[in-house]
Amino acid sequence: MSLKDRELVLTRTLDAPRELIWRCWTDPKLLAEWFCPKPWYIDEVKLDVRTGGSNSFVMHGPNGETVPNRGVYLEIVENEKIVLTDAYTTAWEPSEDPFMTAIVELSDAGDGKTLYVATARHWSVEKKVQHEQMGFHVGWGICADQLEALAQTLK
C-alpha cells in the first residue's frame, strides 16, 4: 500500500494572495465563514495555530447533524504550509478513531494569485474511499471557491 492509495488531492489557482488565504485559514472568525460547503457551517472555532497547537470546531448540517472536530497542528510554516491531523486532540492525546491528516500548501502563482494544494492523507484505503464517496472533490472544491471569495473581500 502506497501513500497515493490513501490520498485525495485538490489543486486550484485561487485569485487572491497567499497571505489572505493564510489569514482565512488561521483566523477563527474567517474560518467559520468558508470551511464547510453551505448549508453546512461551523461554530465554536478555537485555533492555536502553531506546531503542536490544537484546533477544534463543531460542524452543523442542514438536517440537524452535529459533528465535533478536534485536532493538532503538526507543522506550521507561515503563509506556506499547514499540516493538521485528527489523530491527536489537545496536548497530543490520541483520538479514538483518526480519519486523516490534512496538508495545505500555498505558493505564489503570479499576479496576486495562489497555488492552493490541499491533500487529505487517510489512515487506510477504506477511509480514503469513504471520504471520496462523501464527496471530497465536490465538497473541498466548493470550500476552495468560498475561501477564494472570502479572501477577495479582504483586499
N, C-alpha and C. Protein backbone atom coordinates (compact mmCIF):
# COMPACT_ATOMS: atom_id res chain seq x y z
N MET A 1 0.86 -1.18 0.00
CA MET A 1 0.00 0.00 0.00
C MET A 1 0.90 1.24 0.00
N SER A 2 0.65 2.13 -0.94
CA SER A 2 1.44 3.36 -1.01
C SER A 2 0.64 4.54 -0.48
N LEU A 3 1.34 5.65 -0.26
CA LEU A 3 0.65 6.86 0.18
C LEU A 3 -0.40 7.29 -0.83
N LYS A 4 -0.10 7.16 -2.10
CA LYS A 4 -1.04 7.59 -3.15
C LYS A 4 -2.36 6.82 -3.05
N ASP A 5 -2.31 5.60 -2.54
CA ASP A 5 -3.53 4.81 -2.36
C ASP A 5 -4.43 5.37 -1.27
N ARG A 6 -3.86 6.25 -0.43
CA ARG A 6 -4.62 6.79 0.70
C ARG A 6 -4.80 8.29 0.65
N GLU A 7 -4.44 8.92 -0.48
CA GLU A 7 -4.52 10.38 -0.60
C GLU A 7 -5.59 10.83 -1.58
N LEU A 8 -6.21 11.95 -1.22
CA LEU A 8 -7.06 12.70 -2.12
C LEU A 8 -6.48 14.11 -2.18
N VAL A 9 -6.42 14.67 -3.38
CA VAL A 9 -5.76 15.97 -3.55
C VAL A 9 -6.65 16.91 -4.36
N LEU A 10 -6.72 18.15 -3.89
CA LEU A 10 -7.40 19.22 -4.61
C LEU A 10 -6.36 20.29 -4.92
N THR A 11 -6.20 20.63 -6.20
CA THR A 11 -5.27 21.66 -6.62
C THR A 11 -6.04 22.75 -7.35
N ARG A 12 -5.85 23.98 -6.93
CA ARG A 12 -6.51 25.12 -7.55
C ARG A 12 -5.58 26.31 -7.59
N THR A 13 -5.80 27.19 -8.53
CA THR A 13 -5.17 28.50 -8.50
C THR A 13 -6.25 29.47 -8.04
N LEU A 14 -6.04 30.05 -6.88
CA LEU A 14 -7.02 30.97 -6.28
C LEU A 14 -6.63 32.40 -6.60
N ASP A 15 -7.62 33.20 -6.94
CA ASP A 15 -7.39 34.59 -7.31
C ASP A 15 -7.37 35.48 -6.06
N ALA A 16 -6.33 35.24 -5.25
CA ALA A 16 -6.10 36.04 -4.04
C ALA A 16 -4.67 35.74 -3.57
N PRO A 17 -4.02 36.71 -2.97
CA PRO A 17 -2.66 36.48 -2.48
C PRO A 17 -2.64 35.46 -1.34
N ARG A 18 -1.53 34.73 -1.25
CA ARG A 18 -1.48 33.66 -0.25
C ARG A 18 -1.56 34.18 1.18
N GLU A 19 -1.13 35.41 1.44
CA GLU A 19 -1.24 35.97 2.79
C GLU A 19 -2.70 36.07 3.22
N LEU A 20 -3.59 36.37 2.27
CA LEU A 20 -5.02 36.45 2.60
C LEU A 20 -5.64 35.06 2.72
N ILE A 21 -5.18 34.12 1.90
CA ILE A 21 -5.64 32.73 2.03
C ILE A 21 -5.22 32.21 3.40
N TRP A 22 -3.98 32.49 3.77
CA TRP A 22 -3.47 32.08 5.08
C TRP A 22 -4.33 32.65 6.20
N ARG A 23 -4.63 33.92 6.08
CA ARG A 23 -5.46 34.57 7.11
C ARG A 23 -6.81 33.89 7.26
N CYS A 24 -7.40 33.48 6.14
CA CYS A 24 -8.69 32.78 6.18
C CYS A 24 -8.59 31.42 6.86
N TRP A 25 -7.42 30.80 6.79
CA TRP A 25 -7.19 29.51 7.44
C TRP A 25 -6.87 29.66 8.92
N THR A 26 -6.36 30.82 9.35
CA THR A 26 -5.82 30.93 10.71
C THR A 26 -6.60 31.86 11.63
N ASP A 27 -7.57 32.58 11.11
CA ASP A 27 -8.42 33.45 11.92
C ASP A 27 -9.73 32.71 12.17
N PRO A 28 -10.07 32.43 13.44
CA PRO A 28 -11.28 31.63 13.73
C PRO A 28 -12.55 32.19 13.11
N LYS A 29 -12.72 33.52 13.14
CA LYS A 29 -13.94 34.12 12.57
C LYS A 29 -14.00 33.93 11.06
N LEU A 30 -12.85 34.06 10.40
CA LEU A 30 -12.83 33.87 8.95
C LEU A 30 -13.00 32.41 8.58
N LEU A 31 -12.36 31.50 9.30
CA LEU A 31 -12.50 30.07 9.02
C LEU A 31 -13.98 29.66 9.06
N ALA A 32 -14.71 30.20 10.01
CA ALA A 32 -16.13 29.85 10.16
C ALA A 32 -16.96 30.29 8.95
N GLU A 33 -16.45 31.24 8.17
CA GLU A 33 -17.22 31.74 7.03
C GLU A 33 -17.11 30.88 5.77
N TRP A 34 -16.08 30.03 5.67
CA TRP A 34 -15.87 29.33 4.40
C TRP A 34 -15.62 27.83 4.52
N PHE A 35 -15.37 27.31 5.70
CA PHE A 35 -14.78 25.99 5.86
C PHE A 35 -15.68 24.81 5.47
N CYS A 36 -16.98 24.97 5.48
CA CYS A 36 -17.90 23.89 5.09
C CYS A 36 -18.71 24.31 3.88
N PRO A 37 -19.04 23.34 3.00
CA PRO A 37 -19.93 23.69 1.89
C PRO A 37 -21.31 24.06 2.44
N LYS A 38 -21.78 25.24 2.10
CA LYS A 38 -23.10 25.67 2.57
C LYS A 38 -24.18 24.71 2.03
N PRO A 39 -25.17 24.36 2.78
CA PRO A 39 -25.67 25.00 4.00
C PRO A 39 -25.01 24.50 5.30
N TRP A 40 -24.02 23.62 5.23
CA TRP A 40 -23.27 23.24 6.43
C TRP A 40 -22.54 24.48 6.95
N TYR A 41 -22.25 24.49 8.24
CA TYR A 41 -21.47 25.58 8.83
C TYR A 41 -20.74 25.07 10.06
N ILE A 42 -19.76 25.85 10.51
CA ILE A 42 -19.05 25.52 11.74
C ILE A 42 -19.18 26.66 12.73
N ASP A 43 -19.09 26.30 14.01
CA ASP A 43 -19.04 27.30 15.07
C ASP A 43 -18.17 26.75 16.19
N GLU A 44 -18.10 27.48 17.29
CA GLU A 44 -17.26 27.11 18.43
C GLU A 44 -15.81 26.87 17.98
N VAL A 45 -15.33 27.74 17.08
CA VAL A 45 -14.00 27.58 16.49
C VAL A 45 -12.92 28.08 17.45
N LYS A 46 -11.96 27.20 17.74
CA LYS A 46 -10.81 27.55 18.58
C LYS A 46 -9.57 27.08 17.84
N LEU A 47 -8.65 28.00 17.58
CA LEU A 47 -7.42 27.69 16.84
C LEU A 47 -6.21 28.18 17.61
N ASP A 48 -5.26 27.29 17.84
CA ASP A 48 -3.95 27.64 18.40
C ASP A 48 -2.94 27.28 17.31
N VAL A 49 -2.80 28.20 16.34
CA VAL A 49 -2.07 27.91 15.10
C VAL A 49 -0.56 28.01 15.35
N ARG A 50 0.00 26.87 15.75
CA ARG A 50 1.44 26.70 15.94
C ARG A 50 1.69 25.20 15.94
N THR A 51 2.88 24.80 15.61
CA THR A 51 3.20 23.39 15.65
C THR A 51 2.95 22.87 17.06
N GLY A 52 2.13 21.85 17.17
CA GLY A 52 1.74 21.29 18.47
C GLY A 52 0.49 21.93 19.05
N GLY A 53 0.01 23.02 18.45
CA GLY A 53 -1.20 23.67 18.93
C GLY A 53 -2.44 22.87 18.53
N SER A 54 -3.52 23.12 19.21
CA SER A 54 -4.74 22.37 18.93
C SER A 54 -5.75 23.23 18.18
N ASN A 55 -6.73 22.54 17.60
CA ASN A 55 -7.84 23.22 16.93
C ASN A 55 -9.11 22.44 17.23
N SER A 56 -10.21 23.14 17.28
CA SER A 56 -11.49 22.47 17.47
C SER A 56 -12.61 23.35 16.92
N PHE A 57 -13.66 22.68 16.47
CA PHE A 57 -14.86 23.35 15.99
C PHE A 57 -15.96 22.30 15.91
N VAL A 58 -17.18 22.77 15.72
CA VAL A 58 -18.31 21.88 15.56
C VAL A 58 -18.95 22.15 14.21
N MET A 59 -19.11 21.08 13.41
CA MET A 59 -19.79 21.19 12.11
C MET A 59 -21.28 20.92 12.33
N HIS A 60 -22.11 21.69 11.61
CA HIS A 60 -23.56 21.53 11.70
C HIS A 60 -24.12 21.36 10.29
N GLY A 61 -24.98 20.37 10.12
CA GLY A 61 -25.60 20.10 8.84
C GLY A 61 -27.02 20.61 8.76
N PRO A 62 -27.58 20.64 7.56
CA PRO A 62 -28.91 21.19 7.35
C PRO A 62 -30.03 20.34 7.95
N ASN A 63 -29.73 19.10 8.29
CA ASN A 63 -30.74 18.22 8.87
C ASN A 63 -30.50 17.98 10.35
N GLY A 64 -29.82 18.92 11.00
CA GLY A 64 -29.58 18.83 12.43
C GLY A 64 -28.33 18.03 12.80
N GLU A 65 -27.52 17.64 11.82
CA GLU A 65 -26.30 16.92 12.11
C GLU A 65 -25.35 17.80 12.93
N THR A 66 -24.66 17.19 13.87
CA THR A 66 -23.66 17.88 14.67
C THR A 66 -22.43 16.98 14.72
N VAL A 67 -21.30 17.51 14.25
CA VAL A 67 -20.08 16.72 14.18
C VAL A 67 -18.94 17.51 14.82
N PRO A 68 -18.56 17.14 16.06
CA PRO A 68 -17.41 17.82 16.68
C PRO A 68 -16.11 17.39 16.02
N ASN A 69 -15.18 18.33 15.88
CA ASN A 69 -13.86 18.07 15.28
C ASN A 69 -12.78 18.63 16.19
N ARG A 70 -11.80 17.79 16.49
CA ARG A 70 -10.66 18.22 17.29
C ARG A 70 -9.39 17.69 16.65
N GLY A 71 -8.33 18.48 16.72
CA GLY A 71 -7.08 18.03 16.13
C GLY A 71 -5.90 18.82 16.63
N VAL A 72 -4.75 18.51 16.02
CA VAL A 72 -3.48 19.13 16.39
C VAL A 72 -2.76 19.53 15.11
N TYR A 73 -2.09 20.67 15.17
CA TYR A 73 -1.24 21.12 14.07
C TYR A 73 0.12 20.40 14.18
N LEU A 74 0.50 19.71 13.13
CA LEU A 74 1.78 19.01 13.10
C LEU A 74 2.91 19.88 12.56
N GLU A 75 2.55 20.79 11.64
CA GLU A 75 3.55 21.69 11.05
C GLU A 75 2.88 22.98 10.63
N ILE A 76 3.52 24.07 10.93
CA ILE A 76 3.05 25.40 10.53
C ILE A 76 4.23 26.16 9.93
N VAL A 77 4.10 26.57 8.68
CA VAL A 77 5.08 27.45 8.03
C VAL A 77 4.25 28.64 7.52
N GLU A 78 4.38 29.77 8.18
CA GLU A 78 3.52 30.92 7.90
C GLU A 78 3.45 31.25 6.41
N ASN A 79 2.21 31.41 5.94
CA ASN A 79 1.89 31.76 4.55
C ASN A 79 2.29 30.69 3.54
N GLU A 80 2.71 29.50 4.01
CA GLU A 80 3.15 28.46 3.09
C GLU A 80 2.52 27.08 3.34
N LYS A 81 2.42 26.68 4.61
CA LYS A 81 2.01 25.29 4.85
C LYS A 81 1.34 25.13 6.21
N ILE A 82 0.26 24.34 6.18
CA ILE A 82 -0.44 23.93 7.40
C ILE A 82 -0.62 22.42 7.31
N VAL A 83 -0.17 21.72 8.33
CA VAL A 83 -0.40 20.28 8.42
C VAL A 83 -1.13 20.04 9.73
N LEU A 84 -2.32 19.44 9.64
CA LEU A 84 -3.10 19.17 10.83
C LEU A 84 -3.69 17.77 10.75
N THR A 85 -3.96 17.22 11.91
CA THR A 85 -4.48 15.86 11.96
C THR A 85 -5.52 15.71 13.06
N ASP A 86 -6.41 14.77 12.85
CA ASP A 86 -7.36 14.41 13.90
C ASP A 86 -6.89 13.16 14.65
N ALA A 87 -5.64 12.72 14.40
CA ALA A 87 -5.09 11.56 15.10
C ALA A 87 -4.82 11.89 16.57
N TYR A 88 -4.64 13.19 16.84
CA TYR A 88 -4.45 13.65 18.20
C TYR A 88 -5.45 14.76 18.49
N THR A 89 -5.74 14.93 19.76
CA THR A 89 -6.55 16.06 20.20
C THR A 89 -5.63 16.94 21.04
N THR A 90 -6.16 17.73 21.91
CA THR A 90 -5.32 18.65 22.69
C THR A 90 -4.24 17.88 23.45
N ALA A 91 -3.09 18.52 23.59
CA ALA A 91 -1.96 18.00 24.36
C ALA A 91 -1.52 16.61 23.90
N TRP A 92 -1.61 16.36 22.59
CA TRP A 92 -1.12 15.12 22.00
C TRP A 92 -1.84 13.88 22.53
N GLU A 93 -3.07 14.07 22.93
CA GLU A 93 -3.88 12.93 23.37
C GLU A 93 -4.40 12.21 22.12
N PRO A 94 -4.11 10.89 21.97
CA PRO A 94 -4.58 10.18 20.78
C PRO A 94 -6.11 10.19 20.68
N SER A 95 -6.61 10.37 19.48
CA SER A 95 -8.05 10.30 19.28
C SER A 95 -8.47 8.85 19.15
N GLU A 96 -9.75 8.60 19.30
CA GLU A 96 -10.25 7.23 19.28
C GLU A 96 -10.33 6.64 17.87
N ASP A 97 -10.65 7.48 16.89
CA ASP A 97 -10.83 6.95 15.53
C ASP A 97 -10.31 7.95 14.52
N PRO A 98 -8.98 8.02 14.34
CA PRO A 98 -8.43 9.02 13.42
C PRO A 98 -8.89 8.77 11.98
N PHE A 99 -9.11 9.86 11.25
CA PHE A 99 -9.61 9.79 9.88
C PHE A 99 -8.54 10.19 8.88
N MET A 100 -7.86 11.34 9.14
CA MET A 100 -6.92 11.83 8.14
C MET A 100 -5.98 12.87 8.72
N THR A 101 -4.97 13.16 7.92
CA THR A 101 -4.09 14.31 8.10
C THR A 101 -4.32 15.19 6.88
N ALA A 102 -4.50 16.49 7.12
CA ALA A 102 -4.67 17.44 6.02
C ALA A 102 -3.40 18.24 5.86
N ILE A 103 -2.98 18.40 4.61
CA ILE A 103 -1.79 19.17 4.28
C ILE A 103 -2.22 20.26 3.30
N VAL A 104 -2.07 21.51 3.71
CA VAL A 104 -2.46 22.65 2.87
C VAL A 104 -1.18 23.39 2.51
N GLU A 105 -0.92 23.49 1.20
CA GLU A 105 0.29 24.16 0.73
C GLU A 105 -0.11 25.36 -0.13
N LEU A 106 0.54 26.48 0.15
CA LEU A 106 0.28 27.73 -0.56
C LEU A 106 1.56 28.23 -1.19
N SER A 107 1.50 28.59 -2.46
CA SER A 107 2.66 29.19 -3.12
C SER A 107 2.18 30.25 -4.10
N ASP A 108 3.06 31.21 -4.37
CA ASP A 108 2.72 32.28 -5.29
C ASP A 108 2.53 31.73 -6.69
N ALA A 109 1.45 32.17 -7.33
CA ALA A 109 1.18 31.76 -8.71
C ALA A 109 1.28 32.96 -9.66
N GLY A 110 1.79 34.08 -9.18
CA GLY A 110 1.93 35.27 -10.00
C GLY A 110 0.66 36.09 -10.06
N ASP A 111 0.79 37.36 -10.32
CA ASP A 111 -0.35 38.28 -10.46
C ASP A 111 -1.27 38.27 -9.25
N GLY A 112 -0.72 38.09 -8.05
CA GLY A 112 -1.53 38.12 -6.83
C GLY A 112 -2.36 36.88 -6.62
N LYS A 113 -2.05 35.81 -7.33
CA LYS A 113 -2.79 34.55 -7.20
C LYS A 113 -1.99 33.55 -6.38
N THR A 114 -2.69 32.51 -5.89
CA THR A 114 -2.08 31.49 -5.04
C THR A 114 -2.33 30.11 -5.60
N LEU A 115 -1.27 29.33 -5.70
CA LEU A 115 -1.42 27.91 -5.99
C LEU A 115 -1.77 27.25 -4.67
N TYR A 116 -2.93 26.62 -4.64
CA TYR A 116 -3.51 26.04 -3.42
C TYR A 116 -3.58 24.53 -3.62
N VAL A 117 -2.84 23.80 -2.81
CA VAL A 117 -2.86 22.34 -2.89
C VAL A 117 -3.29 21.81 -1.52
N ALA A 118 -4.44 21.16 -1.48
CA ALA A 118 -4.97 20.59 -0.25
C ALA A 118 -4.99 19.07 -0.39
N THR A 119 -4.26 18.40 0.47
CA THR A 119 -4.15 16.95 0.43
C THR A 119 -4.78 16.37 1.69
N ALA A 120 -5.62 15.37 1.50
CA ALA A 120 -6.17 14.61 2.62
C ALA A 120 -5.50 13.24 2.60
N ARG A 121 -4.67 12.98 3.60
CA ARG A 121 -3.96 11.70 3.70
C ARG A 121 -4.65 10.87 4.77
N HIS A 122 -5.22 9.76 4.35
CA HIS A 122 -6.05 8.93 5.22
C HIS A 122 -5.27 7.79 5.86
N TRP A 123 -5.81 7.28 6.97
CA TRP A 123 -5.14 6.21 7.71
C TRP A 123 -5.28 4.86 7.01
N SER A 124 -6.25 4.75 6.13
CA SER A 124 -6.45 3.49 5.41
C SER A 124 -7.07 3.78 4.05
N VAL A 125 -6.95 2.81 3.15
CA VAL A 125 -7.59 2.92 1.85
C VAL A 125 -9.10 3.02 2.03
N GLU A 126 -9.64 2.28 2.99
CA GLU A 126 -11.08 2.30 3.23
C GLU A 126 -11.57 3.69 3.62
N LYS A 127 -10.79 4.37 4.47
CA LYS A 127 -11.20 5.73 4.87
C LYS A 127 -11.07 6.70 3.71
N LYS A 128 -10.08 6.50 2.85
CA LYS A 128 -9.96 7.33 1.64
C LYS A 128 -11.19 7.15 0.76
N VAL A 129 -11.57 5.89 0.53
CA VAL A 129 -12.74 5.60 -0.30
C VAL A 129 -14.00 6.21 0.33
N GLN A 130 -14.12 6.08 1.65
CA GLN A 130 -15.27 6.66 2.35
C GLN A 130 -15.32 8.17 2.13
N HIS A 131 -14.17 8.84 2.24
CA HIS A 131 -14.12 10.29 2.06
C HIS A 131 -14.46 10.67 0.62
N GLU A 132 -13.96 9.89 -0.32
CA GLU A 132 -14.26 10.13 -1.73
C GLU A 132 -15.76 10.00 -1.98
N GLN A 133 -16.37 8.98 -1.39
CA GLN A 133 -17.81 8.75 -1.57
C GLN A 133 -18.65 9.81 -0.86
N MET A 134 -18.08 10.42 0.18
CA MET A 134 -18.77 11.51 0.88
C MET A 134 -18.78 12.78 0.02
N GLY A 135 -17.99 12.80 -1.05
CA GLY A 135 -17.97 13.96 -1.94
C GLY A 135 -16.75 14.83 -1.77
N PHE A 136 -15.60 14.25 -1.48
CA PHE A 136 -14.38 15.03 -1.26
C PHE A 136 -14.16 16.09 -2.34
N HIS A 137 -14.10 15.68 -3.60
CA HIS A 137 -13.73 16.61 -4.66
C HIS A 137 -14.74 17.74 -4.81
N VAL A 138 -16.02 17.42 -4.77
CA VAL A 138 -17.04 18.46 -4.88
C VAL A 138 -17.03 19.34 -3.63
N GLY A 139 -17.03 18.72 -2.45
CA GLY A 139 -17.10 19.48 -1.20
C GLY A 139 -15.89 20.36 -0.97
N TRP A 140 -14.69 19.79 -1.14
CA TRP A 140 -13.49 20.59 -0.94
C TRP A 140 -13.35 21.64 -2.05
N GLY A 141 -13.88 21.35 -3.24
CA GLY A 141 -13.89 22.34 -4.31
C GLY A 141 -14.78 23.52 -3.97
N ILE A 142 -15.97 23.23 -3.44
CA ILE A 142 -16.88 24.30 -3.01
C ILE A 142 -16.22 25.14 -1.92
N CYS A 143 -15.57 24.47 -0.97
CA CYS A 143 -14.88 25.20 0.10
C CYS A 143 -13.77 26.08 -0.46
N ALA A 144 -13.03 25.59 -1.44
CA ALA A 144 -11.97 26.40 -2.06
C ALA A 144 -12.58 27.62 -2.74
N ASP A 145 -13.72 27.47 -3.40
CA ASP A 145 -14.41 28.61 -4.01
C ASP A 145 -14.83 29.62 -2.95
N GLN A 146 -15.37 29.12 -1.83
CA GLN A 146 -15.80 30.00 -0.74
C GLN A 146 -14.59 30.70 -0.11
N LEU A 147 -13.49 29.98 0.04
CA LEU A 147 -12.25 30.54 0.57
C LEU A 147 -11.75 31.67 -0.34
N GLU A 148 -11.71 31.42 -1.64
CA GLU A 148 -11.25 32.42 -2.59
C GLU A 148 -12.13 33.67 -2.53
N ALA A 149 -13.45 33.48 -2.52
CA ALA A 149 -14.38 34.61 -2.48
C ALA A 149 -14.20 35.44 -1.20
N LEU A 150 -14.01 34.77 -0.08
CA LEU A 150 -13.81 35.49 1.18
C LEU A 150 -12.48 36.25 1.15
N ALA A 151 -11.42 35.59 0.71
CA ALA A 151 -10.11 36.25 0.65
C ALA A 151 -10.16 37.49 -0.23
N GLN A 152 -10.92 37.45 -1.31
CA GLN A 152 -11.03 38.60 -2.19
C GLN A 152 -11.69 39.79 -1.51
N THR A 153 -12.53 39.56 -0.52
CA THR A 153 -13.17 40.67 0.21
C THR A 153 -12.21 41.32 1.20
N LEU A 154 -11.09 40.67 1.48
CA LEU A 154 -10.13 41.18 2.46
C LEU A 154 -9.08 42.09 1.84
N LYS A 155 -9.09 42.21 0.52
CA LYS A 155 -8.06 43.01 -0.17
C LYS A 155 -8.08 44.44 0.26
